[in-house]
Every structure is written in structure tokens, then in C-alpha cells.
Amino acid sequence: MDTDRKKQLQALLLEFPGDPFLRYGLAMEESSAGNMADASHSFEQLIADHPEYVPAYLQAGQIAARMDNTSLARKIYSQGIVVAKKAKDFKASGEMEQFMDALD
């Protein structure tokens, strides 16, 4: 993990705590560093606070799958597909459908 980038994101989050993109970036940094539990928690919080933020579902589902929690991955993808379709983000909904199909 790029600790400088993580520190920058954390500092920006202090200034803009409601910014979903900054929170997404921090969760991605945690994921890149292999801190799956922290990344999973960060994505769960992001989804709880910003349920319309489609990219969070895709990444949260992938992390759950990497952690061998296929039931959670399936649940996250299912929710994300609904949110993505509502937002007319058919590319994201299609990607999540593919990832969910690959869980079988």
C-alpha cells in the first residue's frame, strides 16, 4: 500500500467526510495492500452511507469472493445489480452478473 496516498486520502476525508469517491479510494488502497478485512469493512460502510454508489458493490463483492464468502458476495452483487440498473449503469450491472455467475 502506498502509505503516502493512504495518508492523503485520510486527510482529505477529514476535510470532506461525506465524499464517497474518497472513501472508495481509501478502501481500494486497503484492498491493494491485501488488507481484505479492512477493505471489506470500508466498502460495507460506504454502501451503508451511500447506497447509490455503484462501484462499491462491484469491489465489495470481489473482496467477499476473495475471502471465500460466496454467500456474501452473491448478496452484495444482487444488491449492486438492482442499484446499477436503477441508475441505468448497465455495464456495471452486467459485470456484477458475470462475477455472480462465476461464483457457481
Protein backbone atom coordinates (compact mmCIF):
# COMPACT_ATOMS: atom_id res chain seq x y z
CA MET A 1 0.00 0.00 0.00
CA ASP A 2 1.18 3.45 -0.79
CA THR A 3 1.13 4.89 2.74
CA ASP A 4 1.52 8.43 1.40
CA ARG A 5 -1.57 8.03 -0.75
CA LYS A 6 -3.45 6.47 2.17
CA LYS A 7 -2.46 9.37 4.43
CA GLN A 8 -3.52 11.86 1.76
CA LEU A 9 -6.89 10.17 1.43
CA GLN A 10 -7.36 10.10 5.20
CA ALA A 11 -6.51 13.80 5.42
CA LEU A 12 -8.95 14.62 2.63
CA LEU A 13 -11.62 12.55 4.35
CA LEU A 14 -11.21 14.66 7.48
CA GLU A 15 -11.98 17.70 5.33
CA PHE A 16 -14.69 16.03 3.21
CA PRO A 17 -16.07 13.13 5.30
CA GLY A 18 -19.11 12.61 3.11
CA ASP A 19 -17.23 12.21 -0.16
CA PRO A 20 -17.92 8.68 -1.46
CA PHE A 21 -15.09 8.81 -4.01
CA LEU A 22 -12.50 9.48 -1.29
CA ARG A 23 -13.90 6.65 0.82
CA TYR A 24 -13.83 4.37 -2.22
CA GLY A 25 -10.20 5.32 -2.83
CA LEU A 26 -9.23 4.50 0.75
CA ALA A 27 -10.99 1.13 0.55
CA MET A 28 -9.17 0.39 -2.72
CA GLU A 29 -5.84 1.24 -1.06
CA GLU A 30 -6.65 -1.23 1.73
CA SER A 31 -7.57 -3.87 -0.84
CA SER A 32 -4.39 -3.28 -2.85
CA ALA A 33 -2.37 -3.74 0.32
CA GLY A 34 -4.05 -7.09 0.95
CA ASN A 35 -5.95 -5.84 3.99
CA MET A 36 -9.14 -7.58 2.91
CA ALA A 37 -10.93 -7.34 6.25
CA ASP A 38 -10.31 -3.58 6.43
CA ALA A 39 -11.27 -3.12 2.79
CA SER A 40 -14.43 -5.16 3.26
CA HIS A 41 -15.42 -3.08 6.27
CA SER A 42 -14.69 0.15 4.39
CA PHE A 43 -16.85 -0.92 1.46
CA GLU A 44 -19.65 -2.02 3.80
CA GLN A 45 -19.60 1.43 5.41
CA LEU A 46 -19.50 3.14 2.03
CA ILE A 47 -22.53 1.15 0.85
CA ALA A 48 -24.40 1.85 4.08
CA ASP A 49 -23.73 5.59 3.82
CA HIS A 50 -24.01 5.91 0.02
CA PRO A 51 -26.22 3.05 -1.21
CA GLU A 52 -26.35 4.58 -4.70
CA TYR A 53 -22.57 4.38 -5.22
CA VAL A 54 -22.45 1.54 -7.74
CA PRO A 55 -18.66 0.88 -7.89
CA ALA A 56 -18.62 -0.02 -4.19
CA TYR A 57 -20.83 -3.06 -4.80
CA LEU A 58 -18.58 -4.43 -7.51
CA GLN A 59 -15.45 -4.14 -5.36
CA ALA A 60 -17.17 -5.33 -2.16
CA GLY A 61 -18.43 -8.40 -3.98
CA GLN A 62 -14.98 -9.18 -5.34
CA ILE A 63 -13.43 -8.86 -1.89
CA ALA A 64 -16.08 -11.13 -0.35
CA ALA A 65 -15.35 -13.70 -3.07
CA ARG A 66 -11.59 -13.45 -2.45
CA MET A 67 -12.30 -14.05 1.24
CA ASP A 68 -14.21 -17.23 0.19
CA ASN A 69 -17.51 -15.80 1.41
CA THR A 70 -19.55 -16.59 -1.70
CA SER A 71 -22.91 -16.12 0.03
CA LEU A 72 -21.93 -12.56 1.00
CA ALA A 73 -20.51 -11.91 -2.48
CA ARG A 74 -23.77 -13.12 -4.03
CA LYS A 75 -25.81 -10.87 -1.70
CA ILE A 76 -23.66 -7.82 -2.46
CA TYR A 77 -23.74 -8.43 -6.22
CA SER A 78 -27.53 -8.91 -6.13
CA GLN A 79 -27.99 -5.60 -4.34
CA GLY A 80 -25.50 -3.91 -6.63
CA ILE A 81 -27.24 -5.14 -9.77
CA VAL A 82 -30.50 -3.60 -8.60
CA VAL A 83 -28.80 -0.30 -7.76
CA ALA A 84 -26.87 -0.24 -11.04
CA LYS A 85 -29.97 -0.93 -13.13
CA LYS A 86 -31.87 1.79 -11.28
CA ALA A 87 -29.01 4.17 -12.15
CA LYS A 88 -29.09 2.87 -15.76
CA ASP A 89 -25.49 1.69 -15.36
CA PHE A 90 -25.96 -1.44 -17.43
CA LYS A 91 -22.24 -2.00 -17.88
CA ALA A 92 -21.77 -2.31 -14.11
CA SER A 93 -24.87 -4.46 -13.69
CA GLY A 94 -23.62 -6.77 -16.45
CA GLU A 95 -20.19 -7.05 -14.87
CA MET A 96 -21.72 -7.92 -11.50
CA GLU A 97 -23.98 -10.51 -13.14
CA GLN A 98 -20.90 -12.09 -14.73
CA PHE A 99 -19.00 -12.13 -11.44
CA MET A 100 -22.02 -13.62 -9.69
CA ASP A 101 -22.37 -16.32 -12.36
CA ALA A 102 -18.68 -17.16 -11.89
CA LEU A 103 -19.31 -17.90 -8.20
CA ASP A 104 -21.22 -21.06 -9.14
